[in-house]
């Protein structure tokens, strides 16, 4: 009984250590640049963060009915509890189209 508890304790201890992170084993004869690895990991993190931020942005091509236009402090629309700012973009040729990006509530300062 005492031995089986020891085995369970040891397996739990090993499994928690295995989940600590990524381990890379290299030969000492292989060239290795720790700073390049650090920079690559930082770039991957920044890329994931930018994707996460993009997923939070809501872009509409047309506003729902009942939106009210406000001009101060800049032009924006209020649609219920959401606020949208209009932007123009150019499609093929010279056609300008309008789209709306959800923004935080504008301050009246």
C-alpha atoms as a PDB file:
ATOM      1  CA  UNK A   1       0.000   0.000   0.000  1.00  0.00           C
ATOM      2  CA  UNK A   2       2.750   2.407   0.943  1.00  0.00           C
ATOM      3  CA  UNK A   3       4.645   1.582  -2.246  1.00  0.00           C
ATOM      4  CA  UNK A   4       1.593   2.230  -4.480  1.00  0.00           C
ATOM      5  CA  UNK A   5       1.100   5.669  -2.890  1.00  0.00           C
ATOM      6  CA  UNK A   6       4.742   6.437  -3.586  1.00  0.00           C
ATOM      7  CA  UNK A   7       4.302   5.440  -7.253  1.00  0.00           C
ATOM      8  CA  UNK A   8       1.193   7.642  -7.566  1.00  0.00           C
ATOM      9  CA  UNK A   9       2.993  10.569  -5.939  1.00  0.00           C
ATOM     10  CA  UNK A  10       6.011  10.145  -8.202  1.00  0.00           C
ATOM     11  CA  UNK A  11       3.874   9.913 -11.367  1.00  0.00           C
ATOM     12  CA  UNK A  12       1.960  13.089 -10.415  1.00  0.00           C
ATOM     13  CA  UNK A  13       5.231  14.883  -9.731  1.00  0.00           C
ATOM     14  CA  UNK A  14       6.682  13.832 -13.107  1.00  0.00           C
ATOM     15  CA  UNK A  15       3.531  14.725 -15.040  1.00  0.00           C
ATOM     16  CA  UNK A  16       3.438  18.237 -13.561  1.00  0.00           C
ATOM     17  CA  UNK A  17       7.085  18.749 -14.464  1.00  0.00           C
ATOM     18  CA  UNK A  18       6.459  17.603 -18.019  1.00  0.00           C
ATOM     19  CA  UNK A  19       3.849  20.297 -18.475  1.00  0.00           C
ATOM     20  CA  UNK A  20       6.261  23.055 -17.473  1.00  0.00           C
ATOM     21  CA  UNK A  21       7.122  24.061 -21.044  1.00  0.00           C
ATOM     22  CA  UNK A  22       8.955  23.182 -24.213  1.00  0.00           C
ATOM     23  CA  UNK A  23      12.335  21.510 -23.862  1.00  0.00           C
ATOM     24  CA  UNK A  24      14.788  21.511 -26.769  1.00  0.00           C
ATOM     25  CA  UNK A  25      17.821  19.245 -26.687  1.00  0.00           C
ATOM     26  CA  UNK A  26      20.754  20.059 -28.976  1.00  0.00           C
ATOM     27  CA  UNK A  27      24.214  18.718 -29.518  1.00  0.00           C
ATOM     28  CA  UNK A  28      26.914  20.976 -28.176  1.00  0.00           C
ATOM     29  CA  UNK A  29      28.591  20.890 -31.584  1.00  0.00           C
ATOM     30  CA  UNK A  30      25.550  22.488 -33.291  1.00  0.00           C
ATOM     31  CA  UNK A  31      25.539  26.283 -33.524  1.00  0.00           C
ATOM     32  CA  UNK A  32      22.843  27.844 -31.376  1.00  0.00           C
ATOM     33  CA  UNK A  33      21.768  31.460 -31.008  1.00  0.00           C
ATOM     34  CA  UNK A  34      19.622  31.881 -27.909  1.00  0.00           C
ATOM     35  CA  UNK A  35      18.853  35.496 -28.801  1.00  0.00           C
ATOM     36  CA  UNK A  36      17.468  34.491 -32.209  1.00  0.00           C
ATOM     37  CA  UNK A  37      15.200  31.938 -30.528  1.00  0.00           C
ATOM     38  CA  UNK A  38      14.042  34.572 -28.053  1.00  0.00           C
ATOM     39  CA  UNK A  39      13.347  37.060 -30.870  1.00  0.00           C
ATOM     40  CA  UNK A  40      11.429  34.431 -32.863  1.00  0.00           C
ATOM     41  CA  UNK A  41       9.276  33.542 -29.859  1.00  0.00           C
ATOM     42  CA  UNK A  42       8.596  37.254 -29.252  1.00  0.00           C
ATOM     43  CA  UNK A  43       7.520  37.723 -32.887  1.00  0.00           C
ATOM     44  CA  UNK A  44       5.203  34.719 -32.686  1.00  0.00           C
ATOM     45  CA  UNK A  45       3.669  36.100 -29.487  1.00  0.00           C
ATOM     46  CA  UNK A  46       3.138  39.528 -31.075  1.00  0.00           C
ATOM     47  CA  UNK A  47       1.557  37.877 -34.132  1.00  0.00           C
ATOM     48  CA  UNK A  48      -0.886  35.906 -31.945  1.00  0.00           C
ATOM     49  CA  UNK A  49      -1.737  39.084 -30.020  1.00  0.00           C
ATOM     50  CA  UNK A  50      -2.395  41.042 -33.213  1.00  0.00           C
ATOM     51  CA  UNK A  51      -4.688  38.261 -34.456  1.00  0.00           C
ATOM     52  CA  UNK A  52      -6.503  38.279 -31.138  1.00  0.00           C
ATOM     53  CA  UNK A  53      -6.956  42.049 -31.358  1.00  0.00           C
ATOM     54  CA  UNK A  54      -8.231  41.808 -34.936  1.00  0.00           C
ATOM     55  CA  UNK A  55     -10.825  39.269 -33.878  1.00  0.00           C
ATOM     56  CA  UNK A  56     -12.213  41.771 -31.392  1.00  0.00           C
ATOM     57  CA  UNK A  57     -12.710  44.474 -34.044  1.00  0.00           C
ATOM     58  CA  UNK A  58     -16.154  44.506 -35.576  1.00  0.00           C
ATOM     59  CA  UNK A  59     -16.369  45.909 -39.101  1.00  0.00           C
ATOM     60  CA  UNK A  60     -19.696  46.534 -40.833  1.00  0.00           C
ATOM     61  CA  UNK A  61     -20.350  47.338 -44.480  1.00  0.00           C
ATOM     62  CA  UNK A  62     -23.768  48.789 -43.675  1.00  0.00           C
ATOM     63  CA  UNK A  63     -25.273  50.047 -40.453  1.00  0.00           C
ATOM     64  CA  UNK A  64     -28.464  48.607 -38.973  1.00  0.00           C
ATOM     65  CA  UNK A  65     -31.637  50.697 -39.008  1.00  0.00           C
ATOM     66  CA  UNK A  66     -32.092  53.297 -36.295  1.00  0.00           C
ATOM     67  CA  UNK A  67     -28.499  54.519 -36.003  1.00  0.00           C
ATOM     68  CA  UNK A  68     -28.013  58.185 -35.122  1.00  0.00           C
ATOM     69  CA  UNK A  69     -25.189  60.330 -36.549  1.00  0.00           C
ATOM     70  CA  UNK A  70     -23.168  62.526 -34.158  1.00  0.00           C
ATOM     71  CA  UNK A  71     -20.541  65.034 -35.333  1.00  0.00           C
ATOM     72  CA  UNK A  72     -18.690  65.828 -32.105  1.00  0.00           C
ATOM     73  CA  UNK A  73     -15.877  65.154 -31.204  1.00  0.00           C
ATOM     74  CA  UNK A  74     -15.768  63.506 -34.667  1.00  0.00           C
ATOM     75  CA  UNK A  75     -18.316  61.901 -36.983  1.00  0.00           C
ATOM     76  CA  UNK A  76     -19.656  58.636 -35.532  1.00  0.00           C
ATOM     77  CA  UNK A  77     -22.870  56.655 -35.373  1.00  0.00           C
ATOM     78  CA  UNK A  78     -24.657  55.354 -32.307  1.00  0.00           C
ATOM     79  CA  UNK A  79     -26.595  52.148 -32.852  1.00  0.00           C
ATOM     80  CA  UNK A  80     -28.172  51.172 -29.539  1.00  0.00           C
ATOM     81  CA  UNK A  81     -25.249  50.531 -27.198  1.00  0.00           C
ATOM     82  CA  UNK A  82     -22.655  50.253 -30.005  1.00  0.00           C
ATOM     83  CA  UNK A  83     -20.697  53.069 -31.621  1.00  0.00           C
ATOM     84  CA  UNK A  84     -19.285  53.017 -35.164  1.00  0.00           C
ATOM     85  CA  UNK A  85     -16.950  55.363 -36.997  1.00  0.00           C
ATOM     86  CA  UNK A  86     -17.241  55.662 -40.795  1.00  0.00           C
ATOM     87  CA  UNK A  87     -14.203  55.130 -43.030  1.00  0.00           C
ATOM     88  CA  UNK A  88     -13.819  55.303 -46.787  1.00  0.00           C
ATOM     89  CA  UNK A  89     -11.833  52.794 -48.788  1.00  0.00           C
ATOM     90  CA  UNK A  90     -11.174  52.446 -52.475  1.00  0.00           C
ATOM     91  CA  UNK A  91     -12.189  49.304 -54.291  1.00  0.00           C
ATOM     92  CA  UNK A  92     -11.261  48.349 -57.835  1.00  0.00           C
ATOM     93  CA  UNK A  93     -11.044  51.427 -59.996  1.00  0.00           C
ATOM     94  CA  UNK A  94     -12.052  54.709 -58.410  1.00  0.00           C
ATOM     95  CA  UNK A  95     -15.127  53.560 -56.484  1.00  0.00           C
ATOM     96  CA  UNK A  96     -15.051  54.754 -52.883  1.00  0.00           C
ATOM     97  CA  UNK A  97     -17.007  52.609 -50.439  1.00  0.00           C
ATOM     98  CA  UNK A  98     -17.845  53.307 -46.829  1.00  0.00           C
ATOM     99  CA  UNK A  99     -17.434  50.847 -43.988  1.00  0.00           C
ATOM    100  CA  UNK A 100     -17.872  51.209 -40.249  1.00  0.00           C
ATOM    101  CA  UNK A 101     -15.543  50.120 -37.446  1.00  0.00           C
ATOM    102  CA  UNK A 102     -16.877  49.622 -33.945  1.00  0.00           C
ATOM    103  CA  UNK A 103     -15.272  52.040 -31.475  1.00  0.00           C
ATOM    104  CA  UNK A 104     -15.376  52.704 -27.764  1.00  0.00           C
ATOM    105  CA  UNK A 105     -17.935  55.315 -26.681  1.00  0.00           C
ATOM    106  CA  UNK A 106     -16.531  58.762 -27.572  1.00  0.00           C
ATOM    107  CA  UNK A 107     -15.839  61.079 -24.673  1.00  0.00           C
ATOM    108  CA  UNK A 108     -17.526  64.489 -24.731  1.00  0.00           C
ATOM    109  CA  UNK A 109     -14.317  66.301 -23.696  1.00  0.00           C
END
